[in-house]
Amino acid sequence: MIKLKNQRTITHFALLLSLLNVLLFHYPFYAFVFTNLDYKSWNGIIIIVSLMILMLLLNAFVFYLIFFLSRVVGKFLLVLFFIINAIAVYFINTYGVIIDESMIGNILNTNYHESSSFFSIKLILYIILLGVIPGVYIIKVKIINVTLRRFLITSSLALLFILTLVFANGSNWLWIDKNSKKLGGLAMPWSYTVNISLFYIHKHKANEKEILLPNATIKDNKKSVVVLVIGESARSENFSLYGYNKNTNPLLSKTSNLFHFNATSCATYTTAGVKCILEHTDSNKLYEILPNYLYRNNVAVIWRTTNWGEPPVHIKNYQNRDALKPNCKGEGCNYDEILLTGLKEQILASTKNKILIVLHTSTSHGPTYSKKYPPQFESFKPVCNSVELGNCSQTELINAYDNTIVYTDYILSELIKNLKQLPDYNSAMIFVSDHGESLGENNLYMHGLPISIAPKEQYDIPFIVWVSDGSKQLKPNKTVSQNYVFHSVLNFLNIQSPIYNEEMNIFR
C-alpha cells in the first residue's frame, strides 16, 4: 500500500499526481484503446505501452511546470482539475459521451433547469471519492521546490524522452490520428481544457459579424402563416409515421394533408442543429438566420420557446416560458403545451399578412424523459425514472422516450387544429428536430457525439409537414436536410430572395 507523505519534492509530487490522474480518470481512455486495436499483437502492445508512458509523462511535465511557477496556483488548478475530471468521467461512464468541442458547446449552452436533471447520488459519490478526497491531500501536502538548474535539467530530460517516444511511434501515428477525436475527448484534463479554448476561439470567429443576406421582396398580400416547430432530441426511428411498430403517432396518423420526409441533422447537439435549421446553407459562418431575415424584410415573426441554444434572435416578439405562463391555465402549462397558449389569437391580431412562428420545444430531451409529458400521456409502461439511464432496462428507457413522442404527436395535432380555425390564411406546419437521440444502443445515451462517428440514432430525424386545404402541394422528395426549412418557408410565404434555392424547397 502506498503511503502518502505530507511532504514531497516537486518532482515526486508531479509524478504522483500524474499517476493518480491516470489511475482514477483514464479507464474509459484505455478501454477505448483496448477495444479498437489488436492488443495481443506486438504493434498493439507498443501503442498501449507508449500511450501509458506518454500520458503519465506529459501530465507530470505540465504539473511540474505549473508547480514550479507557483505552488499556490498549482494546488488550486490541480484540485479544480480533479473535481472536474470526476464529473467528466461520471458522464463518460454513465452516458457514453466524449468530451470534444461539440460536447463542450452542448455543456456551455445548458441552462440550470436542464443541468439539474442530471443530479444523482452516484454523481456526488464520483465528486467526493475522485475529486474532493484527492483534493484534500493536494491542499495539505507540503511541496519542496527545486533549484532552477535542477528544474531545467529535469524538464529537458523529460521532453527529450517524450519526443523520442513520439518519433519511435511514427508508424503508429496513422491509427492515433484516425482515433484522435475520441482519444482527445477521453484524456483528462485536456479533453475539456483544450476543447473549451477551441470552442471560444471558433465562437469568437463565427460571431465576429453576422453576415446579412440580400434584401427580399414580398410578392403578394395573401394572408399566410408558417409555424416552424423545432423538436428536441426527436429521432425518426421512434415515430410510427416512419414505420415504428408502436403507435406513437395516434393523432397525426389520422390527419389529412400531412407528409413526412426522411431527413438528417447537420450535427448532434442543439446549438449547431438549430443553427442549421434556421440558415439557408450548412456553414461554419454566422449567416443571418430565417427569423431575423424575415423580420427585417417586413414579415411578422413570433418566437416561443421552452428551450435554449438558438443563434442570436433579433426580433421584437420573443417569448420564453416565463413570458407565456401568466396567460396559461391548466396542467399543460408545466409542459410544452404552453407554447400554444393564445397562439391563434396572436396570429389574428397581427397587422401583417405574412407570419412566421417558431416554437422551440424541449419535449424529448433526456435524461428525465418521464418528466417531459403529463401523466395521461404515459401510454407505454413501465418507464425509466432514473437519470442514470444505464440502470434502467432497455424497455423502460424506450417506453419513457416513446411517451415523449406520443406527447409531441398531441402538441402538433393541437397546433394543426388551431391553424385549421384560420380559414382566411394559407397555413403550414413544419416539424423538424435539432438532432436525434441514443437510447442505449452500443451503450450510448442521449446525443452529442461528433457527427463523423455518431450512430444514425443521433442524426436521423423527423421532418413532418402539414398544409391547409387549397394552399400548397408538396414535391415527391424522399430525403431532405435541415436547410430545406429556410427555402421552403420563403416559397410558402411567397417571398422572393436572391439566395432562394428552388432545389431545397419542398413545395410545388
Protein backbone atom coordinates (compact mmCIF):
# COMPACT_ATOMS: atom_id res chain seq x y z
CA MET A 1 0.00 0.00 0.00
CA ILE A 2 1.39 3.41 -0.99
CA LYS A 3 1.90 5.76 1.96
CA LEU A 4 1.01 9.32 1.00
CA LYS A 5 3.59 11.55 2.65
CA ASN A 6 2.75 15.06 3.85
CA GLN A 7 5.96 16.40 2.33
CA ARG A 8 7.25 15.81 -1.18
CA THR A 9 9.65 17.30 -3.67
CA ILE A 10 8.03 19.00 -6.64
CA THR A 11 9.33 16.24 -8.96
CA HIS A 12 7.90 13.37 -6.94
CA PHE A 13 4.65 15.26 -6.34
CA ALA A 14 4.09 15.92 -10.06
CA LEU A 15 4.72 12.25 -10.86
CA LEU A 16 2.41 11.08 -8.07
CA LEU A 17 -0.44 13.35 -9.20
CA SER A 18 0.04 12.26 -12.79
CA LEU A 19 -0.13 8.60 -11.70
CA LEU A 20 -3.30 9.27 -9.68
CA ASN A 21 -4.78 11.14 -12.65
CA VAL A 22 -4.16 8.13 -14.92
CA LEU A 23 -5.45 5.57 -12.42
CA LEU A 24 -8.60 7.49 -11.41
CA PHE A 25 -9.72 9.03 -14.68
CA HIS A 26 -8.39 7.12 -17.67
CA TYR A 27 -10.21 3.81 -17.61
CA PRO A 28 -12.51 4.98 -20.49
CA PHE A 29 -9.44 6.11 -22.45
CA TYR A 30 -7.67 2.76 -22.22
CA ALA A 31 -10.89 0.79 -22.61
CA PHE A 32 -11.32 2.51 -25.97
CA VAL A 33 -7.70 1.74 -26.91
CA PHE A 34 -8.03 -1.96 -26.00
CA THR A 35 -11.34 -2.23 -27.88
CA ASN A 36 -10.07 -0.65 -31.09
CA LEU A 37 -6.74 -2.33 -31.69
CA ASP A 38 -5.26 -5.80 -31.50
CA TYR A 39 -3.72 -5.63 -28.02
CA LYS A 40 -2.26 -9.12 -28.42
CA SER A 41 -0.11 -8.11 -31.39
CA TRP A 42 3.38 -6.67 -30.98
CA ASN A 43 2.30 -3.39 -32.58
CA GLY A 44 -0.75 -3.17 -30.33
CA ILE A 45 1.39 -3.71 -27.23
CA ILE A 46 3.76 -0.94 -28.35
CA ILE A 47 0.90 1.53 -28.83
CA ILE A 48 -0.66 0.71 -25.43
CA VAL A 49 2.62 0.95 -23.52
CA SER A 50 3.60 4.13 -25.38
CA LEU A 51 0.26 5.81 -24.65
CA MET A 52 0.52 4.88 -20.96
CA ILE A 53 4.03 6.32 -20.66
CA LEU A 54 3.15 9.40 -22.71
CA MET A 55 0.03 10.09 -20.63
CA LEU A 56 1.99 9.74 -17.41
CA LEU A 57 4.95 11.87 -18.50
CA LEU A 58 3.04 14.61 -20.34
CA ASN A 59 0.75 15.21 -17.39
CA ALA A 60 3.66 15.07 -14.94
CA PHE A 61 5.63 17.55 -17.08
CA VAL A 62 2.74 20.06 -17.17
CA PHE A 63 2.04 19.66 -13.44
CA TYR A 64 5.78 20.06 -12.74
CA LEU A 65 5.89 23.28 -14.74
CA ILE A 66 2.78 24.71 -13.04
CA PHE A 67 4.04 23.93 -9.53
CA PHE A 68 7.50 25.32 -10.24
CA LEU A 69 5.98 28.64 -11.35
CA SER A 70 3.55 28.84 -8.39
CA ARG A 71 2.74 26.24 -5.78
CA VAL A 72 -0.43 28.10 -4.70
CA VAL A 73 -1.77 28.38 -8.24
CA GLY A 74 -0.68 24.80 -8.91
CA LYS A 75 -2.65 23.46 -5.95
CA PHE A 76 -5.75 25.44 -6.94
CA LEU A 77 -5.61 24.21 -10.55
CA LEU A 78 -4.97 20.58 -9.62
CA VAL A 79 -7.85 20.50 -7.11
CA LEU A 80 -10.10 22.04 -9.78
CA PHE A 81 -8.86 19.52 -12.38
CA PHE A 82 -9.56 16.53 -10.13
CA ILE A 83 -13.10 17.69 -9.33
CA ILE A 84 -13.93 18.46 -12.99
CA ASN A 85 -12.26 15.19 -14.05
CA ALA A 86 -14.56 13.33 -11.66
CA ILE A 87 -17.65 14.98 -13.16
CA ALA A 88 -16.43 14.38 -16.73
CA VAL A 89 -15.69 10.69 -16.09
CA TYR A 90 -19.12 10.26 -14.47
CA PHE A 91 -20.82 11.47 -17.66
CA ILE A 92 -18.50 9.40 -19.86
CA ASN A 93 -19.19 6.23 -17.86
CA THR A 94 -22.91 6.89 -17.40
CA TYR A 95 -23.94 8.24 -20.82
CA GLY A 96 -21.10 7.18 -23.14
CA VAL A 97 -20.29 10.77 -24.14
CA ILE A 98 -16.99 12.12 -25.42
CA ILE A 99 -15.78 15.49 -24.12
CA ASP A 100 -14.92 17.02 -27.51
CA GLU A 101 -15.55 20.55 -28.77
CA SER A 102 -19.16 19.88 -29.77
CA MET A 103 -19.92 18.40 -26.33
CA ILE A 104 -18.32 21.44 -24.69
CA GLY A 105 -20.69 23.60 -26.74
CA ASN A 106 -23.58 21.45 -25.54
CA ILE A 107 -22.49 21.84 -21.91
CA LEU A 108 -21.89 25.59 -22.06
CA ASN A 109 -25.33 26.15 -23.61
CA THR A 110 -27.12 24.11 -20.95
CA ASN A 111 -29.25 26.08 -18.51
CA TYR A 112 -29.86 25.35 -14.83
CA HIS A 113 -33.17 23.54 -15.44
CA GLU A 114 -31.55 21.06 -17.81
CA SER A 115 -28.33 20.57 -15.84
CA SER A 116 -30.23 19.95 -12.59
CA SER A 117 -31.98 16.98 -14.21
CA PHE A 118 -28.62 15.13 -14.26
CA PHE A 119 -28.22 15.24 -10.46
CA SER A 120 -27.81 11.86 -8.78
CA ILE A 121 -26.23 10.28 -5.71
CA LYS A 122 -23.78 8.49 -7.99
CA LEU A 123 -22.56 11.85 -9.33
CA ILE A 124 -21.98 13.12 -5.77
CA LEU A 125 -20.01 9.95 -4.94
CA TYR A 126 -17.82 10.45 -8.02
CA ILE A 127 -17.10 14.04 -6.96
CA ILE A 128 -16.29 13.11 -3.34
CA LEU A 129 -14.26 9.96 -3.98
CA LEU A 130 -12.40 11.01 -7.13
CA GLY A 131 -12.33 14.78 -6.68
CA VAL A 132 -12.67 16.03 -3.11
CA ILE A 133 -10.58 13.38 -1.29
CA PRO A 134 -7.56 13.70 -3.65
CA GLY A 135 -8.09 17.48 -3.47
CA VAL A 136 -7.74 17.46 0.33
CA TYR A 137 -4.41 15.65 0.01
CA ILE A 138 -3.21 18.11 -2.66
CA ILE A 139 -4.03 21.04 -0.36
CA LYS A 140 -2.40 19.51 2.75
CA VAL A 141 0.88 18.26 1.28
CA LYS A 142 3.95 20.45 1.62
CA ILE A 143 5.84 20.83 -1.66
CA ILE A 144 9.60 21.26 -1.64
CA ASN A 145 10.77 23.24 -4.66
CA VAL A 146 13.92 22.58 -6.66
CA THR A 147 16.60 24.92 -7.98
CA LEU A 148 16.27 26.46 -11.43
CA ARG A 149 19.19 24.32 -12.60
CA ARG A 150 17.51 21.12 -11.42
CA PHE A 151 14.21 22.25 -12.97
CA LEU A 152 15.84 22.87 -16.37
CA ILE A 153 17.70 19.55 -16.33
CA THR A 154 14.61 17.54 -15.33
CA SER A 155 12.39 19.34 -17.85
CA SER A 156 14.89 18.87 -20.68
CA LEU A 157 15.31 15.17 -19.99
CA ALA A 158 11.55 14.66 -19.79
CA LEU A 159 10.96 16.50 -23.06
CA LEU A 160 13.76 14.56 -24.77
CA PHE A 161 12.28 11.25 -23.63
CA ILE A 162 8.76 12.27 -24.73
CA LEU A 163 9.98 13.36 -28.18
CA THR A 164 11.98 10.14 -28.56
CA LEU A 165 8.90 8.10 -27.72
CA VAL A 166 6.80 10.10 -30.20
CA PHE A 167 9.26 9.61 -33.04
CA ALA A 168 9.68 5.94 -32.20
CA ASN A 169 5.94 5.54 -32.77
CA GLY A 170 5.99 7.17 -36.19
CA SER A 171 4.48 4.10 -37.82
CA ASN A 172 1.58 4.16 -35.38
CA TRP A 173 0.53 7.76 -35.97
CA LEU A 174 -1.98 6.73 -38.62
CA TRP A 175 -4.01 4.79 -36.02
CA ILE A 176 -3.65 7.57 -33.42
CA ASP A 177 -4.66 10.24 -35.95
CA LYS A 178 -7.65 8.19 -37.10
CA ASN A 179 -8.90 7.96 -33.50
CA SER A 180 -7.66 11.36 -32.31
CA LYS A 181 -11.13 12.83 -31.64
CA LYS A 182 -12.13 10.05 -29.29
CA LEU A 183 -8.70 9.80 -27.66
CA GLY A 184 -8.60 13.56 -27.13
CA GLY A 185 -12.15 13.56 -25.77
CA LEU A 186 -11.26 10.93 -23.14
CA ALA A 187 -7.91 12.30 -21.92
CA MET A 188 -8.20 14.21 -18.62
CA PRO A 189 -7.94 17.10 -18.02
CA TRP A 190 -7.04 18.03 -21.59
CA SER A 191 -10.34 16.92 -23.13
CA TYR A 192 -12.20 19.87 -21.62
CA THR A 193 -9.36 22.40 -21.14
CA VAL A 194 -8.26 22.26 -24.79
CA ASN A 195 -11.78 21.98 -26.19
CA ILE A 196 -13.13 24.87 -24.10
CA SER A 197 -10.40 27.02 -25.62
CA LEU A 198 -11.20 25.79 -29.13
CA PHE A 199 -14.93 26.36 -28.59
CA TYR A 200 -14.47 30.00 -27.61
CA ILE A 201 -11.91 30.64 -30.36
CA HIS A 202 -14.29 29.30 -33.01
CA LYS A 203 -17.29 31.02 -31.41
CA HIS A 204 -15.46 34.36 -31.47
CA LYS A 205 -14.57 33.91 -35.11
CA ALA A 206 -18.13 32.88 -36.03
CA ASN A 207 -19.68 35.79 -34.15
CA GLU A 208 -17.31 38.49 -35.34
CA LYS A 209 -20.00 39.75 -37.66
CA GLU A 210 -23.34 38.32 -38.67
CA ILE A 211 -23.41 38.08 -42.45
CA LEU A 212 -26.56 39.84 -43.66
CA LEU A 213 -28.41 38.30 -46.59
CA PRO A 214 -29.57 40.34 -49.61
CA ASN A 215 -32.94 42.07 -49.24
CA ALA A 216 -36.11 40.10 -50.01
CA THR A 217 -39.44 41.12 -51.54
CA ILE A 218 -42.95 40.03 -50.51
CA LYS A 219 -44.70 39.15 -53.79
CA ASP A 220 -48.40 39.20 -52.76
CA ASN A 221 -50.79 40.23 -49.97
CA LYS A 222 -52.34 36.81 -49.40
CA LYS A 223 -52.55 36.00 -45.69
CA SER A 224 -50.09 33.19 -45.00
CA VAL A 225 -48.66 31.72 -41.83
CA VAL A 226 -45.94 29.12 -41.30
CA VAL A 227 -45.41 27.56 -37.89
CA LEU A 228 -41.95 26.03 -37.61
CA VAL A 229 -41.76 23.60 -34.69
CA ILE A 230 -38.17 22.79 -33.73
CA GLY A 231 -38.16 19.45 -31.97
CA GLU A 232 -35.64 18.46 -29.32
CA SER A 233 -33.83 15.11 -29.44
CA ALA A 234 -36.57 13.52 -31.56
CA ARG A 235 -35.38 10.65 -33.71
CA SER A 236 -37.46 9.44 -36.64
CA GLU A 237 -36.93 5.78 -35.74
CA ASN A 238 -39.48 6.09 -32.90
CA PHE A 239 -42.25 7.76 -34.92
CA SER A 240 -44.91 5.36 -36.16
CA LEU A 241 -45.25 7.68 -39.18
CA TYR A 242 -41.81 6.34 -40.14
CA GLY A 243 -42.75 2.69 -39.64
CA TYR A 244 -42.14 2.25 -35.91
CA ASN A 245 -44.03 -0.79 -34.60
CA LYS A 246 -45.51 1.06 -31.59
CA ASN A 247 -48.28 3.59 -32.22
CA THR A 248 -46.53 6.78 -31.13
CA ASN A 249 -48.47 8.96 -33.62
CA PRO A 250 -52.12 8.07 -32.97
CA LEU A 251 -53.34 11.57 -33.94
CA LEU A 252 -51.03 12.62 -36.75
CA SER A 253 -51.51 9.29 -38.50
CA LYS A 254 -55.19 10.23 -38.94
CA THR A 255 -54.52 13.82 -40.06
CA SER A 256 -55.09 14.72 -43.71
CA ASN A 257 -52.64 16.82 -45.73
CA LEU A 258 -49.78 15.50 -43.58
CA PHE A 259 -46.48 14.46 -45.16
CA HIS A 260 -43.13 13.30 -43.87
CA PHE A 261 -39.64 13.13 -45.34
CA ASN A 262 -36.50 11.23 -44.43
CA ALA A 263 -34.03 13.73 -43.02
CA THR A 264 -30.70 14.01 -41.27
CA SER A 265 -29.39 16.71 -38.95
CA CYS A 266 -26.21 18.72 -39.56
CA ALA A 267 -24.97 17.99 -36.04
CA THR A 268 -25.82 16.03 -32.90
CA TYR A 269 -26.23 18.89 -30.45
CA THR A 270 -28.76 21.68 -30.09
CA THR A 271 -26.81 24.84 -30.90
CA ALA A 272 -25.49 23.54 -34.21
CA GLY A 273 -28.73 21.74 -35.11
CA VAL A 274 -30.94 24.78 -34.54
CA LYS A 275 -28.48 27.00 -36.41
CA CYS A 276 -28.65 24.64 -39.39
CA ILE A 277 -32.47 24.63 -39.37
CA LEU A 278 -32.56 28.42 -39.45
CA GLU A 279 -29.83 29.09 -42.01
CA HIS A 280 -30.03 28.91 -45.79
CA THR A 281 -26.92 26.72 -46.06
CA ASP A 282 -24.84 24.44 -43.85
CA SER A 283 -21.83 26.57 -43.00
CA ASN A 284 -19.47 27.39 -40.15
CA LYS A 285 -20.13 31.07 -40.83
CA LEU A 286 -22.82 33.03 -38.99
CA TYR A 287 -25.30 33.97 -41.66
CA GLU A 288 -28.47 35.92 -40.91
CA ILE A 289 -30.96 33.33 -39.68
CA LEU A 290 -34.51 32.90 -41.01
CA PRO A 291 -36.48 34.78 -38.28
CA ASN A 292 -34.07 37.73 -38.35
CA TYR A 293 -34.11 37.83 -42.14
CA LEU A 294 -37.90 37.76 -42.45
CA TYR A 295 -38.39 40.25 -39.61
CA ARG A 296 -36.01 42.67 -41.32
CA ASN A 297 -38.00 42.25 -44.54
CA ASN A 298 -41.40 43.17 -43.07
CA VAL A 299 -42.70 39.73 -42.08
CA ALA A 300 -44.32 39.31 -38.65
CA VAL A 301 -42.16 36.91 -36.63
CA ILE A 302 -43.01 35.30 -33.30
CA TRP A 303 -40.55 33.12 -31.37
CA ARG A 304 -41.82 30.98 -28.48
CA THR A 305 -39.50 28.69 -26.56
CA THR A 306 -39.15 26.33 -23.63
CA ASN A 307 -35.62 25.57 -24.77
CA TRP A 308 -32.33 27.36 -25.40
CA GLY A 309 -29.25 27.24 -27.64
CA GLU A 310 -30.54 29.17 -30.66
CA PRO A 311 -28.36 31.72 -32.50
CA PRO A 312 -28.97 35.40 -31.65
CA VAL A 313 -32.63 36.19 -32.47
CA HIS A 314 -33.20 39.85 -33.43
CA ILE A 315 -36.97 40.21 -33.37
CA LYS A 316 -39.46 42.09 -31.20
CA ASN A 317 -41.78 39.23 -30.23
CA TYR A 318 -39.60 36.73 -28.35
CA GLN A 319 -41.47 34.77 -25.65
CA ASN A 320 -39.97 32.22 -23.26
CA ARG A 321 -41.77 30.06 -20.71
CA ASP A 322 -41.86 32.85 -18.10
CA ALA A 323 -43.48 35.28 -20.55
CA LEU A 324 -46.15 32.73 -21.57
CA LYS A 325 -47.02 31.38 -18.11
CA PRO A 326 -49.23 34.27 -16.83
CA ASN A 327 -51.74 33.69 -19.66
CA CYS A 328 -51.69 29.89 -19.47
CA LYS A 329 -54.10 27.78 -17.44
CA GLY A 330 -54.09 24.08 -16.64
CA GLU A 331 -51.62 21.26 -16.11
CA GLY A 332 -50.27 21.56 -19.65
CA CYS A 333 -48.64 24.88 -18.70
CA ASN A 334 -45.88 22.88 -16.99
CA TYR A 335 -45.04 21.19 -20.28
CA ASP A 336 -44.56 22.17 -23.90
CA GLU A 337 -48.28 22.76 -24.41
CA ILE A 338 -47.58 26.20 -23.01
CA LEU A 339 -46.21 27.15 -26.43
CA LEU A 340 -49.76 27.01 -27.87
CA THR A 341 -51.18 29.46 -25.32
CA GLY A 342 -53.13 32.18 -27.15
CA LEU A 343 -51.28 31.42 -30.37
CA LYS A 344 -54.33 31.56 -32.65
CA GLU A 345 -55.36 34.90 -31.13
CA GLN A 346 -51.85 36.25 -31.61
CA ILE A 347 -51.96 35.34 -35.30
CA LEU A 348 -55.34 37.01 -35.77
CA ALA A 349 -54.10 40.16 -34.02
CA SER A 350 -51.18 40.56 -36.42
CA THR A 351 -51.22 43.65 -38.61
CA LYS A 352 -49.15 41.90 -41.27
CA ASN A 353 -50.27 39.32 -43.81
CA LYS A 354 -47.12 37.21 -43.74
CA ILE A 355 -46.33 35.49 -40.47
CA LEU A 356 -43.59 33.12 -39.31
CA ILE A 357 -43.95 31.47 -35.90
CA VAL A 358 -41.13 29.42 -34.39
CA LEU A 359 -41.93 27.06 -31.50
CA HIS A 360 -38.74 25.71 -29.94
CA THR A 361 -39.71 22.69 -27.81
CA SER A 362 -37.82 20.58 -25.26
CA THR A 363 -40.15 17.55 -25.13
CA SER A 364 -37.78 14.65 -25.78
CA HIS A 365 -34.66 15.93 -24.02
CA GLY A 366 -33.13 13.45 -21.58
CA PRO A 367 -32.23 12.10 -19.22
CA THR A 368 -35.55 12.67 -17.43
CA TYR A 369 -37.82 11.64 -20.32
CA SER A 370 -40.62 10.58 -17.94
CA LYS A 371 -40.91 14.17 -16.64
CA LYS A 372 -41.38 15.70 -20.09
CA TYR A 373 -45.06 14.80 -20.53
CA PRO A 374 -48.26 14.92 -18.42
CA PRO A 375 -49.20 11.62 -16.67
CA GLN A 376 -52.10 10.91 -19.07
CA PHE A 377 -49.62 10.55 -21.94
CA GLU A 378 -47.82 7.63 -20.32
CA SER A 379 -49.06 5.23 -22.98
CA PHE A 380 -46.19 2.75 -22.61
CA LYS A 381 -45.19 1.22 -19.28
CA PRO A 382 -43.06 0.57 -17.28
CA VAL A 383 -40.87 3.66 -17.70
CA CYS A 384 -37.39 4.70 -16.66
CA ASN A 385 -37.45 7.31 -13.86
CA SER A 386 -33.70 7.43 -13.19
CA VAL A 387 -31.21 9.97 -14.54
CA GLU A 388 -28.67 7.12 -14.65
CA LEU A 389 -30.05 5.63 -17.84
CA GLY A 390 -27.79 2.60 -17.72
CA ASN A 391 -29.59 1.47 -14.55
CA CYS A 392 -32.89 1.16 -16.44
CA SER A 393 -33.83 -1.72 -18.68
CA GLN A 394 -33.91 -1.03 -22.40
CA THR A 395 -37.69 -1.49 -22.33
CA GLU A 396 -38.19 1.08 -19.55
CA LEU A 397 -35.93 3.62 -21.23
CA ILE A 398 -37.54 3.31 -24.65
CA ASN A 399 -41.05 3.40 -23.15
CA ALA A 400 -40.29 6.70 -21.40
CA TYR A 401 -38.84 8.14 -24.60
CA ASP A 402 -41.74 6.86 -26.71
CA ASN A 403 -44.17 8.64 -24.40
CA THR A 404 -42.44 11.94 -25.24
CA ILE A 405 -43.15 11.20 -28.91
CA VAL A 406 -46.81 10.50 -28.11
CA TYR A 407 -46.93 13.88 -26.37
CA THR A 408 -45.23 15.55 -29.34
CA ASP A 409 -47.90 13.95 -31.55
CA TYR A 410 -50.59 15.57 -29.38
CA ILE A 411 -48.97 19.03 -29.41
CA LEU A 412 -48.59 19.00 -33.20
CA SER A 413 -52.16 17.78 -33.61
CA GLU A 414 -53.47 20.60 -31.38
CA LEU A 415 -51.40 23.11 -33.34
CA ILE A 416 -52.91 21.88 -36.60
CA LYS A 417 -56.41 22.21 -35.10
CA ASN A 418 -55.63 25.85 -34.29
CA LEU A 419 -54.38 26.52 -37.81
CA LYS A 420 -57.49 24.90 -39.30
CA GLN A 421 -59.51 27.57 -37.49
CA LEU A 422 -57.88 30.28 -39.61
CA PRO A 423 -59.82 29.96 -42.91
CA ASP A 424 -58.52 33.29 -44.21
CA TYR A 425 -54.92 32.07 -44.05
CA ASN A 426 -52.84 29.70 -46.09
CA SER A 427 -51.28 27.70 -43.26
CA ALA A 428 -48.38 25.31 -42.94
CA MET A 429 -46.77 23.47 -40.06
CA ILE A 430 -43.19 22.18 -40.35
CA PHE A 431 -41.81 19.98 -37.59
CA VAL A 432 -38.09 19.19 -37.70
CA SER A 433 -35.82 18.06 -34.87
CA ASP A 434 -32.48 19.59 -33.98
CA HIS A 435 -30.87 16.12 -33.72
CA GLY A 436 -31.65 12.55 -32.72
CA GLU A 437 -31.00 10.55 -29.57
CA SER A 438 -29.22 7.37 -28.48
CA LEU A 439 -31.21 5.13 -26.15
CA GLY A 440 -28.64 2.60 -25.03
CA GLU A 441 -27.68 1.24 -28.45
CA ASN A 442 -24.00 0.26 -28.26
CA ASN A 443 -24.05 1.56 -24.65
CA LEU A 444 -24.53 5.14 -25.88
CA TYR A 445 -27.06 7.52 -24.38
CA MET A 446 -28.55 10.86 -25.37
CA HIS A 447 -26.58 12.81 -28.02
CA GLY A 448 -23.52 14.96 -28.72
CA LEU A 449 -21.04 12.60 -30.38
CA PRO A 450 -19.10 14.14 -33.30
CA ILE A 451 -21.24 13.75 -36.43
CA SER A 452 -18.41 11.88 -38.16
CA ILE A 453 -18.59 9.00 -35.68
CA ALA A 454 -22.13 9.36 -34.29
CA PRO A 455 -24.59 6.48 -34.78
CA LYS A 456 -27.60 7.09 -37.03
CA GLU A 457 -29.89 7.34 -33.98
CA GLN A 458 -28.26 10.70 -33.20
CA TYR A 459 -28.81 12.27 -36.63
CA ASP A 460 -31.80 10.53 -38.33
CA ILE A 461 -34.60 13.00 -37.60
CA PRO A 462 -38.29 13.54 -38.43
CA PHE A 463 -39.27 16.19 -40.96
CA ILE A 464 -43.09 16.41 -40.87
CA VAL A 465 -45.20 18.89 -42.84
CA TRP A 466 -48.89 19.79 -42.75
CA VAL A 467 -50.59 22.23 -45.17
CA SER A 468 -54.08 23.70 -45.14
CA ASP A 469 -56.59 22.85 -47.87
CA GLY A 470 -56.03 24.77 -51.09
CA SER A 471 -52.67 26.24 -50.08
CA LYS A 472 -49.73 24.21 -51.41
CA GLN A 473 -48.86 20.78 -52.72
CA LEU A 474 -45.59 19.08 -51.93
CA LYS A 475 -42.87 17.74 -54.17
CA PRO A 476 -42.34 13.97 -54.11
CA ASN A 477 -38.98 14.32 -52.33
CA LYS A 478 -37.90 11.34 -50.29
CA THR A 479 -34.93 12.84 -48.49
CA VAL A 480 -34.31 16.38 -47.27
CA SER A 481 -31.96 18.21 -44.90
CA GLN A 482 -32.50 20.80 -42.18
CA ASN A 483 -31.55 23.60 -44.60
CA TYR A 484 -34.69 22.87 -46.65
CA VAL A 485 -36.68 24.73 -43.97
CA PHE A 486 -35.31 28.16 -44.94
CA HIS A 487 -36.13 27.93 -48.65
CA SER A 488 -39.46 26.17 -48.10
CA VAL A 489 -40.67 28.93 -45.78
CA LEU A 490 -39.69 31.57 -48.35
CA ASN A 491 -41.67 29.69 -51.00
CA PHE A 492 -44.79 29.22 -48.88
CA LEU A 493 -44.91 32.88 -47.87
CA ASN A 494 -44.18 33.88 -51.49
CA ILE A 495 -41.07 35.86 -50.66
CA GLN A 496 -38.56 36.47 -53.43
CA SER A 497 -34.89 36.49 -52.49
CA PRO A 498 -31.58 36.28 -54.38
CA ILE A 499 -30.44 33.47 -52.08
CA TYR A 500 -33.58 31.34 -52.61
CA ASN A 501 -32.76 27.83 -53.81
CA GLU A 502 -35.64 26.06 -55.57
CA GLU A 503 -33.87 22.70 -55.24
CA MET A 504 -34.16 22.99 -51.45
CA ASN A 505 -37.86 23.83 -51.47
CA ILE A 506 -40.36 21.08 -50.56
CA PHE A 507 -43.42 22.81 -52.09
CA ARG A 508 -44.52 22.65 -55.73
